[in-house]
């Protein structure tokens, strides 16, 4: 194995945040999911999901929009462009860690 091992983004690497980002990455660009739906998908408590969304939002990885549907407050979440890029880089780093020979071949192709 040659070259340094890739770094894993610590913001995404926490298990709960990785699950959030992975779930949001399945949405097409521009689509958003309501907080309760995301909570159901991930089987997380509202408080736990809120804490992890805040960290992702602070990093610029998710966009959180608070609005109203009629008189009911609604929170909509989507992965930002920066978040999609960070997740793509994270998954590439994981692949390189799992299969370093593939990483070496990819570096050769880039030259």
PDB file of N, CA and C in Angstrom:
ATOM      1  N   UNK A   1       0.852  -1.175   0.000  1.00  0.00           N
ATOM      2  CA  UNK A   1       0.000   0.000   0.000  1.00  0.00           C
ATOM      3  C   UNK A   1       0.895   1.234   0.000  1.00  0.00           C
ATOM      4  N   UNK A   2       0.613   2.150  -0.890  1.00  0.00           N
ATOM      5  CA  UNK A   2       1.427   3.358  -0.948  1.00  0.00           C
ATOM      6  C   UNK A   2       0.552   4.580  -0.733  1.00  0.00           C
ATOM      7  N   UNK A   3       1.153   5.634  -0.247  1.00  0.00           N
ATOM      8  CA  UNK A   3       0.434   6.871  -0.016  1.00  0.00           C
ATOM      9  C   UNK A   3      -0.315   6.847   1.304  1.00  0.00           C
ATOM     10  N   UNK A   4      -0.675   8.024   1.783  1.00  0.00           N
ATOM     11  CA  UNK A   4      -1.374   8.105   3.064  1.00  0.00           C
ATOM     12  C   UNK A   4      -2.810   7.591   2.945  1.00  0.00           C
ATOM     13  N   UNK A   5      -3.320   7.102   4.057  1.00  0.00           N
ATOM     14  CA  UNK A   5      -4.717   6.676   4.092  1.00  0.00           C
ATOM     15  C   UNK A   5      -5.604   7.914   4.113  1.00  0.00           C
ATOM     16  N   UNK A   6      -6.759   7.839   3.477  1.00  0.00           N
ATOM     17  CA  UNK A   6      -7.639   9.008   3.446  1.00  0.00           C
ATOM     18  C   UNK A   6      -8.239   9.289   4.827  1.00  0.00           C
ATOM     19  N   UNK A   7      -8.527  10.551   5.071  1.00  0.00           N
ATOM     20  CA  UNK A   7      -9.164  10.965   6.323  1.00  0.00           C
ATOM     21  C   UNK A   7     -10.681  10.833   6.173  1.00  0.00           C
ATOM     22  N   UNK A   8     -11.337  10.447   7.257  1.00  0.00           N
ATOM     23  CA  UNK A   8     -12.798  10.389   7.270  1.00  0.00           C
ATOM     24  C   UNK A   8     -13.333  11.638   7.957  1.00  0.00           C
ATOM     25  N   UNK A   9     -14.285  12.288   7.317  1.00  0.00           N
ATOM     26  CA  UNK A   9     -14.891  13.510   7.844  1.00  0.00           C
ATOM     27  C   UNK A   9     -15.512  13.219   9.218  1.00  0.00           C
ATOM     28  N   UNK A  10     -15.005  13.835  10.293  1.00  0.00           N
ATOM     29  CA  UNK A  10     -15.521  13.534  11.627  1.00  0.00           C
ATOM     30  C   UNK A  10     -16.969  13.981  11.835  1.00  0.00           C
ATOM     31  N   UNK A  11     -17.421  14.971  11.081  1.00  0.00           N
ATOM     32  CA  UNK A  11     -18.814  15.415  11.218  1.00  0.00           C
ATOM     33  C   UNK A  11     -19.748  14.311  10.724  1.00  0.00           C
ATOM     34  N   UNK A  12     -19.419  13.687   9.616  1.00  0.00           N
ATOM     35  CA  UNK A  12     -20.253  12.630   9.049  1.00  0.00           C
ATOM     36  C   UNK A  12     -20.008  11.297   9.740  1.00  0.00           C
ATOM     37  N   UNK A  13     -18.802  11.065  10.220  1.00  0.00           N
ATOM     38  CA  UNK A  13     -18.399   9.734  10.688  1.00  0.00           C
ATOM     39  C   UNK A  13     -19.178   9.217  11.894  1.00  0.00           C
ATOM     40  N   UNK A  14     -19.714  10.083  12.727  1.00  0.00           N
ATOM     41  CA  UNK A  14     -20.530   9.625  13.856  1.00  0.00           C
ATOM     42  C   UNK A  14     -21.706   8.825  13.301  1.00  0.00           C
ATOM     43  N   UNK A  15     -21.965   7.665  13.888  1.00  0.00           N
ATOM     44  CA  UNK A  15     -22.947   6.738  13.332  1.00  0.00           C
ATOM     45  C   UNK A  15     -24.303   7.390  13.035  1.00  0.00           C
ATOM     46  N   UNK A  16     -24.844   8.137  13.977  1.00  0.00           N
ATOM     47  CA  UNK A  16     -26.166   8.736  13.772  1.00  0.00           C
ATOM     48  C   UNK A  16     -26.136   9.750  12.625  1.00  0.00           C
ATOM     49  N   UNK A  17     -25.080  10.562  12.556  1.00  0.00           N
ATOM     50  CA  UNK A  17     -25.001  11.557  11.489  1.00  0.00           C
ATOM     51  C   UNK A  17     -24.763  10.887  10.139  1.00  0.00           C
ATOM     52  N   UNK A  18     -24.010   9.809  10.127  1.00  0.00           N
ATOM     53  CA  UNK A  18     -23.818   9.054   8.884  1.00  0.00           C
ATOM     54  C   UNK A  18     -25.161   8.526   8.391  1.00  0.00           C
ATOM     55  N   UNK A  19     -25.989   8.022   9.289  1.00  0.00           N
ATOM     56  CA  UNK A  19     -27.312   7.534   8.905  1.00  0.00           C
ATOM     57  C   UNK A  19     -28.181   8.664   8.362  1.00  0.00           C
ATOM     58  N   UNK A  20     -28.114   9.829   8.984  1.00  0.00           N
ATOM     59  CA  UNK A  20     -28.897  10.987   8.520  1.00  0.00           C
ATOM     60  C   UNK A  20     -28.454  11.385   7.114  1.00  0.00           C
ATOM     61  N   UNK A  21     -27.158  11.547   6.927  1.00  0.00           N
ATOM     62  CA  UNK A  21     -26.636  11.986   5.628  1.00  0.00           C
ATOM     63  C   UNK A  21     -26.921  10.938   4.546  1.00  0.00           C
ATOM     64  N   UNK A  22     -26.755   9.668   4.882  1.00  0.00           N
ATOM     65  CA  UNK A  22     -27.039   8.602   3.911  1.00  0.00           C
ATOM     66  C   UNK A  22     -28.510   8.632   3.500  1.00  0.00           C
ATOM     67  N   UNK A  23     -29.407   8.811   4.457  1.00  0.00           N
ATOM     68  CA  UNK A  23     -30.837   8.870   4.138  1.00  0.00           C
ATOM     69  C   UNK A  23     -31.152  10.082   3.269  1.00  0.00           C
ATOM     70  N   UNK A  24     -30.602  11.234   3.628  1.00  0.00           N
ATOM     71  CA  UNK A  24     -30.873  12.454   2.853  1.00  0.00           C
ATOM     72  C   UNK A  24     -30.256  12.392   1.457  1.00  0.00           C
ATOM     73  N   UNK A  25     -29.166  11.649   1.311  1.00  0.00           N
ATOM     74  CA  UNK A  25     -28.506  11.571   0.000  1.00  0.00           C
ATOM     75  C   UNK A  25     -29.360  10.833  -1.024  1.00  0.00           C
ATOM     76  N   UNK A  26     -30.363  10.080  -0.561  1.00  0.00           N
ATOM     77  CA  UNK A  26     -31.237   9.364  -1.497  1.00  0.00           C
ATOM     78  C   UNK A  26     -32.289  10.280  -2.113  1.00  0.00           C
ATOM     79  N   UNK A  27     -32.468  11.468  -1.536  1.00  0.00           N
ATOM     80  CA  UNK A  27     -33.425  12.429  -2.090  1.00  0.00           C
ATOM     81  C   UNK A  27     -32.839  13.079  -3.334  1.00  0.00           C
ATOM     82  N   UNK A  28     -33.640  13.276  -4.367  1.00  0.00           N
ATOM     83  CA  UNK A  28     -33.153  14.031  -5.522  1.00  0.00           C
ATOM     84  C   UNK A  28     -32.830  15.469  -5.119  1.00  0.00           C
ATOM     85  N   UNK A  29     -31.920  16.106  -5.852  1.00  0.00           N
ATOM     86  CA  UNK A  29     -31.588  17.512  -5.583  1.00  0.00           C
ATOM     87  C   UNK A  29     -32.863  18.342  -5.535  1.00  0.00           C
ATOM     88  N   UNK A  30     -32.961  19.176  -4.518  1.00  0.00           N
ATOM     89  CA  UNK A  30     -34.109  20.065  -4.391  1.00  0.00           C
ATOM     90  C   UNK A  30     -35.258  19.490  -3.576  1.00  0.00           C
ATOM     91  N   UNK A  31     -35.282  18.172  -3.370  1.00  0.00           N
ATOM     92  CA  UNK A  31     -36.331  17.566  -2.549  1.00  0.00           C
ATOM     93  C   UNK A  31     -35.991  17.705  -1.073  1.00  0.00           C
ATOM     94  N   UNK A  32     -37.030  17.816  -0.260  1.00  0.00           N
ATOM     95  CA  UNK A  32     -36.856  17.925   1.183  1.00  0.00           C
ATOM     96  C   UNK A  32     -37.743  16.889   1.864  1.00  0.00           C
ATOM     97  N   UNK A  33     -37.393  16.548   3.081  1.00  0.00           N
ATOM     98  CA  UNK A  33     -38.186  15.601   3.857  1.00  0.00           C
ATOM     99  C   UNK A  33     -38.596  16.283   5.156  1.00  0.00           C
ATOM    100  N   UNK A  34     -39.804  15.992   5.597  1.00  0.00           N
ATOM    101  CA  UNK A  34     -40.291  16.554   6.849  1.00  0.00           C
ATOM    102  C   UNK A  34     -39.608  15.859   8.020  1.00  0.00           C
ATOM    103  N   UNK A  35     -39.359  16.618   9.068  1.00  0.00           N
ATOM    104  CA  UNK A  35     -38.678  16.102  10.252  1.00  0.00           C
ATOM    105  C   UNK A  35     -39.303  14.806  10.772  1.00  0.00           C
ATOM    106  N   UNK A  36     -40.649  14.747  10.955  1.00  0.00           N
ATOM    107  CA  UNK A  36     -41.222  13.498  11.483  1.00  0.00           C
ATOM    108  C   UNK A  36     -40.988  12.297  10.563  1.00  0.00           C
ATOM    109  N   UNK A  37     -41.003  12.521   9.263  1.00  0.00           N
ATOM    110  CA  UNK A  37     -40.755  11.424   8.318  1.00  0.00           C
ATOM    111  C   UNK A  37     -39.320  10.934   8.444  1.00  0.00           C
ATOM    112  N   UNK A  38     -38.364  11.860   8.522  1.00  0.00           N
ATOM    113  CA  UNK A  38     -36.967  11.484   8.693  1.00  0.00           C
ATOM    114  C   UNK A  38     -36.770  10.754  10.013  1.00  0.00           C
ATOM    115  N   UNK A  39     -37.434  11.229  11.033  1.00  0.00           N
ATOM    116  CA  UNK A  39     -37.374  10.586  12.353  1.00  0.00           C
ATOM    117  C   UNK A  39     -37.879   9.146  12.259  1.00  0.00           C
ATOM    118  N   UNK A  40     -38.981   8.924  11.538  1.00  0.00           N
ATOM    119  CA  UNK A  40     -39.526   7.575  11.358  1.00  0.00           C
ATOM    120  C   UNK A  40     -38.575   6.693  10.562  1.00  0.00           C
ATOM    121  N   UNK A  41     -38.010   7.224   9.495  1.00  0.00           N
ATOM    122  CA  UNK A  41     -37.093   6.455   8.646  1.00  0.00           C
ATOM    123  C   UNK A  41     -35.890   5.982   9.454  1.00  0.00           C
ATOM    124  N   UNK A  42     -35.351   6.883  10.270  1.00  0.00           N
ATOM    125  CA  UNK A  42     -34.127   6.590  11.014  1.00  0.00           C
ATOM    126  C   UNK A  42     -34.376   5.942  12.375  1.00  0.00           C
ATOM    127  N   UNK A  43     -35.627   5.904  12.807  1.00  0.00           N
ATOM    128  CA  UNK A  43     -35.992   5.366  14.120  1.00  0.00           C
ATOM    129  C   UNK A  43     -35.138   6.031  15.210  1.00  0.00           C
ATOM    130  N   UNK A  44     -35.231   7.347  15.232  1.00  0.00           N
ATOM    131  CA  UNK A  44     -34.496   8.150  16.215  1.00  0.00           C
ATOM    132  C   UNK A  44     -35.490   8.986  17.003  1.00  0.00           C
ATOM    133  N   UNK A  45     -35.129   9.308  18.228  1.00  0.00           N
ATOM    134  CA  UNK A  45     -35.966  10.217  19.007  1.00  0.00           C
ATOM    135  C   UNK A  45     -35.836  11.619  18.420  1.00  0.00           C
ATOM    136  N   UNK A  46     -36.834  12.437  18.676  1.00  0.00           N
ATOM    137  CA  UNK A  46     -36.813  13.811  18.165  1.00  0.00           C
ATOM    138  C   UNK A  46     -35.603  14.569  18.694  1.00  0.00           C
ATOM    139  N   UNK A  47     -35.306  14.398  19.979  1.00  0.00           N
ATOM    140  CA  UNK A  47     -34.168  15.100  20.569  1.00  0.00           C
ATOM    141  C   UNK A  47     -32.847  14.673  19.968  1.00  0.00           C
ATOM    142  N   UNK A  48     -32.656  13.370  19.788  1.00  0.00           N
ATOM    143  CA  UNK A  48     -31.417  12.856  19.216  1.00  0.00           C
ATOM    144  C   UNK A  48     -31.248  13.340  17.775  1.00  0.00           C
ATOM    145  N   UNK A  49     -32.307  13.249  16.989  1.00  0.00           N
ATOM    146  CA  UNK A  49     -32.237  13.708  15.604  1.00  0.00           C
ATOM    147  C   UNK A  49     -31.951  15.203  15.550  1.00  0.00           C
ATOM    148  N   UNK A  50     -32.582  15.981  16.411  1.00  0.00           N
ATOM    149  CA  UNK A  50     -32.359  17.436  16.444  1.00  0.00           C
ATOM    150  C   UNK A  50     -30.906  17.781  16.723  1.00  0.00           C
ATOM    151  N   UNK A  51     -30.299  17.084  17.676  1.00  0.00           N
ATOM    152  CA  UNK A  51     -28.900  17.350  18.027  1.00  0.00           C
ATOM    153  C   UNK A  51     -27.992  17.087  16.826  1.00  0.00           C
ATOM    154  N   UNK A  52     -28.209  15.962  16.152  1.00  0.00           N
ATOM    155  CA  UNK A  52     -27.347  15.611  15.018  1.00  0.00           C
ATOM    156  C   UNK A  52     -27.614  16.512  13.813  1.00  0.00           C
ATOM    157  N   UNK A  53     -28.859  16.896  13.604  1.00  0.00           N
ATOM    158  CA  UNK A  53     -29.154  17.832  12.514  1.00  0.00           C
ATOM    159  C   UNK A  53     -28.486  19.177  12.762  1.00  0.00           C
ATOM    160  N   UNK A  54     -28.445  19.605  14.018  1.00  0.00           N
ATOM    161  CA  UNK A  54     -27.800  20.880  14.349  1.00  0.00           C
ATOM    162  C   UNK A  54     -26.315  20.838  13.992  1.00  0.00           C
ATOM    163  N   UNK A  55     -25.642  19.736  14.332  1.00  0.00           N
ATOM    164  CA  UNK A  55     -24.210  19.605  13.999  1.00  0.00           C
ATOM    165  C   UNK A  55     -24.004  19.603  12.489  1.00  0.00           C
ATOM    166  N   UNK A  56     -24.878  18.910  11.776  1.00  0.00           N
ATOM    167  CA  UNK A  56     -24.772  18.877  10.315  1.00  0.00           C
ATOM    168  C   UNK A  56     -25.092  20.248   9.712  1.00  0.00           C
ATOM    169  N   UNK A  57     -26.054  20.935  10.287  1.00  0.00           N
ATOM    170  CA  UNK A  57     -26.412  22.272   9.819  1.00  0.00           C
ATOM    171  C   UNK A  57     -25.271  23.252  10.096  1.00  0.00           C
ATOM    172  N   UNK A  58     -24.663  23.169  11.271  1.00  0.00           N
ATOM    173  CA  UNK A  58     -23.536  24.041  11.608  1.00  0.00           C
ATOM    174  C   UNK A  58     -22.365  23.836  10.647  1.00  0.00           C
ATOM    175  N   UNK A  59     -22.202  22.611  10.158  1.00  0.00           N
ATOM    176  CA  UNK A  59     -21.128  22.307   9.205  1.00  0.00           C
ATOM    177  C   UNK A  59     -21.512  22.698   7.776  1.00  0.00           C
ATOM    178  N   UNK A  60     -22.768  23.094   7.578  1.00  0.00           N
ATOM    179  CA  UNK A  60     -23.221  23.464   6.239  1.00  0.00           C
ATOM    180  C   UNK A  60     -23.620  22.271   5.390  1.00  0.00           C
ATOM    181  N   UNK A  61     -23.827  21.117   6.019  1.00  0.00           N
ATOM    182  CA  UNK A  61     -24.135  19.888   5.276  1.00  0.00           C
ATOM    183  C   UNK A  61     -25.625  19.679   5.050  1.00  0.00           C
ATOM    184  N   UNK A  62     -26.464  20.270   5.873  1.00  0.00           N
ATOM    185  CA  UNK A  62     -27.908  20.171   5.667  1.00  0.00           C
ATOM    186  C   UNK A  62     -28.523  21.561   5.721  1.00  0.00           C
ATOM    187  N   UNK A  63     -29.631  21.691   5.019  1.00  0.00           N
ATOM    188  CA  UNK A  63     -30.436  22.902   5.089  1.00  0.00           C
ATOM    189  C   UNK A  63     -31.723  22.551   5.823  1.00  0.00           C
ATOM    190  N   UNK A  64     -32.020  23.314   6.854  1.00  0.00           N
ATOM    191  CA  UNK A  64     -33.228  23.104   7.645  1.00  0.00           C
ATOM    192  C   UNK A  64     -34.112  24.320   7.446  1.00  0.00           C
ATOM    193  N   UNK A  65     -35.335  24.075   6.978  1.00  0.00           N
ATOM    194  CA  UNK A  65     -36.295  25.150   6.730  1.00  0.00           C
ATOM    195  C   UNK A  65     -37.482  24.971   7.656  1.00  0.00           C
ATOM    196  N   UNK A  66     -37.744  25.998   8.439  1.00  0.00           N
ATOM    197  CA  UNK A  66     -38.911  25.970   9.327  1.00  0.00           C
ATOM    198  C   UNK A  66     -39.994  26.823   8.678  1.00  0.00           C
ATOM    199  N   UNK A  67     -41.159  26.209   8.500  1.00  0.00           N
ATOM    200  CA  UNK A  67     -42.264  26.880   7.822  1.00  0.00           C
ATOM    201  C   UNK A  67     -43.570  26.456   8.488  1.00  0.00           C
ATOM    202  N   UNK A  68     -44.668  26.803   7.898  1.00  0.00           N
ATOM    203  CA  UNK A  68     -45.975  26.388   8.405  1.00  0.00           C
ATOM    204  C   UNK A  68     -46.775  25.756   7.274  1.00  0.00           C
ATOM    205  N   UNK A  69     -47.461  24.700   7.604  1.00  0.00           N
ATOM    206  CA  UNK A  69     -48.422  24.076   6.698  1.00  0.00           C
ATOM    207  C   UNK A  69     -49.776  24.365   7.324  1.00  0.00           C
ATOM    208  N   UNK A  70     -50.443  25.401   6.819  1.00  0.00           N
ATOM    209  CA  UNK A  70     -51.630  25.901   7.515  1.00  0.00           C
ATOM    210  C   UNK A  70     -51.180  26.542   8.806  1.00  0.00           C
ATOM    211  N   UNK A  71     -51.691  26.056   9.925  1.00  0.00           N
ATOM    212  CA  UNK A  71     -51.284  26.575  11.230  1.00  0.00           C
ATOM    213  C   UNK A  71     -50.256  25.683  11.911  1.00  0.00           C
ATOM    214  N   UNK A  72     -49.894  24.586  11.240  1.00  0.00           N
ATOM    215  CA  UNK A  72     -48.988  23.620  11.846  1.00  0.00           C
ATOM    216  C   UNK A  72     -47.544  23.925  11.465  1.00  0.00           C
ATOM    217  N   UNK A  73     -46.671  24.100  12.461  1.00  0.00           N
ATOM    218  CA  UNK A  73     -45.254  24.304  12.144  1.00  0.00           C
ATOM    219  C   UNK A  73     -44.679  23.048  11.475  1.00  0.00           C
ATOM    220  N   UNK A  74     -43.867  23.266  10.467  1.00  0.00           N
ATOM    221  CA  UNK A  74     -43.257  22.161   9.732  1.00  0.00           C
ATOM    222  C   UNK A  74     -41.773  22.437   9.562  1.00  0.00           C
ATOM    223  N   UNK A  75     -40.961  21.411   9.794  1.00  0.00           N
ATOM    224  CA  UNK A  75     -39.523  21.514   9.585  1.00  0.00           C
ATOM    225  C   UNK A  75     -39.154  20.597   8.429  1.00  0.00           C
ATOM    226  N   UNK A  76     -38.543  21.178   7.402  1.00  0.00           N
ATOM    227  CA  UNK A  76     -38.134  20.430   6.216  1.00  0.00           C
ATOM    228  C   UNK A  76     -36.619  20.390   6.151  1.00  0.00           C
ATOM    229  N   UNK A  77     -36.079  19.235   5.764  1.00  0.00           N
ATOM    230  CA  UNK A  77     -34.634  19.031   5.771  1.00  0.00           C
ATOM    231  C   UNK A  77     -34.188  18.501   4.422  1.00  0.00           C
ATOM    232  N   UNK A  78     -33.031  18.983   3.971  1.00  0.00           N
ATOM    233  CA  UNK A  78     -32.411  18.432   2.765  1.00  0.00           C
ATOM    234  C   UNK A  78     -30.896  18.515   2.916  1.00  0.00           C
ATOM    235  N   UNK A  79     -30.234  17.724   2.112  1.00  0.00           N
ATOM    236  CA  UNK A  79     -28.777  17.746   2.071  1.00  0.00           C
ATOM    237  C   UNK A  79     -28.364  18.920   1.196  1.00  0.00           C
ATOM    238  N   UNK A  80     -27.469  19.757   1.675  1.00  0.00           N
ATOM    239  CA  UNK A  80     -26.994  20.896   0.886  1.00  0.00           C
ATOM    240  C   UNK A  80     -26.004  20.403  -0.170  1.00  0.00           C
ATOM    241  N   UNK A  81     -25.659  21.264  -1.094  1.00  0.00           N
ATOM    242  CA  UNK A  81     -24.639  20.895  -2.098  1.00  0.00           C
ATOM    243  C   UNK A  81     -23.326  20.539  -1.417  1.00  0.00           C
ATOM    244  N   UNK A  82     -22.983  21.342  -0.429  1.00  0.00           N
ATOM    245  CA  UNK A  82     -21.756  21.060   0.332  1.00  0.00           C
ATOM    246  C   UNK A  82     -21.854  19.700   1.032  1.00  0.00           C
ATOM    247  N   UNK A  83     -23.039  19.382   1.557  1.00  0.00           N
ATOM    248  CA  UNK A  83     -23.260  18.107   2.214  1.00  0.00           C
ATOM    249  C   UNK A  83     -23.151  16.933   1.253  1.00  0.00           C
ATOM    250  N   UNK A  84     -23.689  17.099   0.034  1.00  0.00           N
ATOM    251  CA  UNK A  84     -23.577  16.043  -0.980  1.00  0.00           C
ATOM    252  C   UNK A  84     -22.112  15.807  -1.352  1.00  0.00           C
ATOM    253  N   UNK A  85     -21.383  16.877  -1.522  1.00  0.00           N
ATOM    254  CA  UNK A  85     -19.961  16.757  -1.850  1.00  0.00           C
ATOM    255  C   UNK A  85     -19.206  16.079  -0.705  1.00  0.00           C
ATOM    256  N   UNK A  86     -19.491  16.494   0.524  1.00  0.00           N
ATOM    257  CA  UNK A  86     -18.827  15.898   1.687  1.00  0.00           C
ATOM    258  C   UNK A  86     -19.153  14.414   1.791  1.00  0.00           C
ATOM    259  N   UNK A  87     -20.407  14.036   1.515  1.00  0.00           N
ATOM    260  CA  UNK A  87     -20.791  12.624   1.585  1.00  0.00           C
ATOM    261  C   UNK A  87     -20.120  11.832   0.463  1.00  0.00           C
ATOM    262  N   UNK A  88     -20.039  12.410  -0.730  1.00  0.00           N
ATOM    263  CA  UNK A  88     -19.333  11.742  -1.834  1.00  0.00           C
ATOM    264  C   UNK A  88     -17.867  11.522  -1.479  1.00  0.00           C
ATOM    265  N   UNK A  89     -17.235  12.534  -0.892  1.00  0.00           N
ATOM    266  CA  UNK A  89     -15.836  12.405  -0.491  1.00  0.00           C
ATOM    267  C   UNK A  89     -15.683  11.379   0.631  1.00  0.00           C
ATOM    268  N   UNK A  90     -16.636  11.369   1.554  1.00  0.00           N
ATOM    269  CA  UNK A  90     -16.604  10.410   2.657  1.00  0.00           C
ATOM    270  C   UNK A  90     -16.711   8.977   2.124  1.00  0.00           C
ATOM    271  N   UNK A  91     -17.668   8.728   1.236  1.00  0.00           N
ATOM    272  CA  UNK A  91     -17.840   7.373   0.702  1.00  0.00           C
ATOM    273  C   UNK A  91     -16.630   6.956  -0.130  1.00  0.00           C
ATOM    274  N   UNK A  92     -16.022   7.894  -0.848  1.00  0.00           N
ATOM    275  CA  UNK A  92     -14.806   7.571  -1.604  1.00  0.00           C
ATOM    276  C   UNK A  92     -13.670   7.210  -0.647  1.00  0.00           C
ATOM    277  N   UNK A  93     -13.562   7.920   0.468  1.00  0.00           N
ATOM    278  CA  UNK A  93     -12.519   7.626   1.454  1.00  0.00           C
ATOM    279  C   UNK A  93     -12.736   6.254   2.085  1.00  0.00           C
ATOM    280  N   UNK A  94     -13.992   5.916   2.370  1.00  0.00           N
ATOM    281  CA  UNK A  94     -14.293   4.594   2.936  1.00  0.00           C
ATOM    282  C   UNK A  94     -13.931   3.508   1.929  1.00  0.00           C
ATOM    283  N   UNK A  95     -14.288   3.713   0.672  1.00  0.00           N
ATOM    284  CA  UNK A  95     -13.935   2.732  -0.368  1.00  0.00           C
ATOM    285  C   UNK A  95     -12.425   2.558  -0.461  1.00  0.00           C
ATOM    286  N   UNK A  96     -11.697   3.649  -0.366  1.00  0.00           N
ATOM    287  CA  UNK A  96     -10.238   3.581  -0.446  1.00  0.00           C
ATOM    288  C   UNK A  96      -9.655   2.842   0.758  1.00  0.00           C
ATOM    289  N   UNK A  97     -10.274   3.004   1.920  1.00  0.00           N
ATOM    290  CA  UNK A  97      -9.809   2.273   3.096  1.00  0.00           C
ATOM    291  C   UNK A  97     -10.093   0.784   2.975  1.00  0.00           C
ATOM    292  N   UNK A  98     -11.244   0.453   2.414  1.00  0.00           N
ATOM    293  CA  UNK A  98     -11.637  -0.948   2.274  1.00  0.00           C
ATOM    294  C   UNK A  98     -10.815  -1.649   1.201  1.00  0.00           C
ATOM    295  N   UNK A  99     -10.569  -0.958   0.098  1.00  0.00           N
ATOM    296  CA  UNK A  99      -9.852  -1.564  -1.025  1.00  0.00           C
ATOM    297  C   UNK A  99      -8.722  -0.640  -1.476  1.00  0.00           C
ATOM    298  N   UNK A 100      -7.604  -0.657  -0.753  1.00  0.00           N
ATOM    299  CA  UNK A 100      -6.509   0.251  -1.091  1.00  0.00           C
ATOM    300  C   UNK A 100      -5.925  -0.004  -2.480  1.00  0.00           C
ATOM    301  N   UNK A 101      -6.058  -1.216  -3.015  1.00  0.00           N
ATOM    302  CA  UNK A 101      -5.539  -1.461  -4.372  1.00  0.00           C
ATOM    303  C   UNK A 101      -6.348  -0.683  -5.387  1.00  0.00           C
ATOM    304  N   UNK A 102      -7.638  -0.556  -5.166  1.00  0.00           N
ATOM    305  CA  UNK A 102      -8.488   0.227  -6.051  1.00  0.00           C
ATOM    306  C   UNK A 102      -8.094   1.697  -5.986  1.00  0.00           C
ATOM    307  N   UNK A 103      -7.770   2.182  -4.784  1.00  0.00           N
ATOM    308  CA  UNK A 103      -7.336   3.576  -4.612  1.00  0.00           C
ATOM    309  C   UNK A 103      -6.050   3.813  -5.389  1.00  0.00           C
ATOM    310  N   UNK A 104      -5.142   2.836  -5.325  1.00  0.00           N
ATOM    311  CA  UNK A 104      -3.877   2.956  -6.046  1.00  0.00           C
ATOM    312  C   UNK A 104      -4.125   2.997  -7.557  1.00  0.00           C
ATOM    313  N   UNK A 105      -5.039   2.150  -8.050  1.00  0.00           N
ATOM    314  CA  UNK A 105      -5.365   2.139  -9.467  1.00  0.00           C
ATOM    315  C   UNK A 105      -5.996   3.458  -9.900  1.00  0.00           C
ATOM    316  N   UNK A 106      -6.861   4.028  -9.056  1.00  0.00           N
ATOM    317  CA  UNK A 106      -7.500   5.291  -9.379  1.00  0.00           C
ATOM    318  C   UNK A 106      -6.474   6.415  -9.430  1.00  0.00           C
ATOM    319  N   UNK A 107      -5.499   6.394  -8.522  1.00  0.00           N
ATOM    320  CA  UNK A 107      -4.457   7.437  -8.534  1.00  0.00           C
ATOM    321  C   UNK A 107      -3.647   7.332  -9.824  1.00  0.00           C
ATOM    322  N   UNK A 108      -3.380   6.124 -10.273  1.00  0.00           N
ATOM    323  CA  UNK A 108      -2.617   5.919 -11.504  1.00  0.00           C
ATOM    324  C   UNK A 108      -3.393   6.471 -12.704  1.00  0.00           C
ATOM    325  N   UNK A 109      -4.722   6.263 -12.724  1.00  0.00           N
ATOM    326  CA  UNK A 109      -5.547   6.748 -13.816  1.00  0.00           C
ATOM    327  C   UNK A 109      -5.577   8.266 -13.872  1.00  0.00           C
ATOM    328  N   UNK A 110      -5.484   8.921 -12.722  1.00  0.00           N
ATOM    329  CA  UNK A 110      -5.543  10.379 -12.669  1.00  0.00           C
ATOM    330  C   UNK A 110      -4.265  11.015 -13.203  1.00  0.00           C
ATOM    331  N   UNK A 111      -3.169  10.285 -13.192  1.00  0.00           N
ATOM    332  CA  UNK A 111      -1.877  10.825 -13.625  1.00  0.00           C
ATOM    333  C   UNK A 111      -1.807  10.987 -15.099  1.00  0.00           C
TER     334      UNK A 111
END
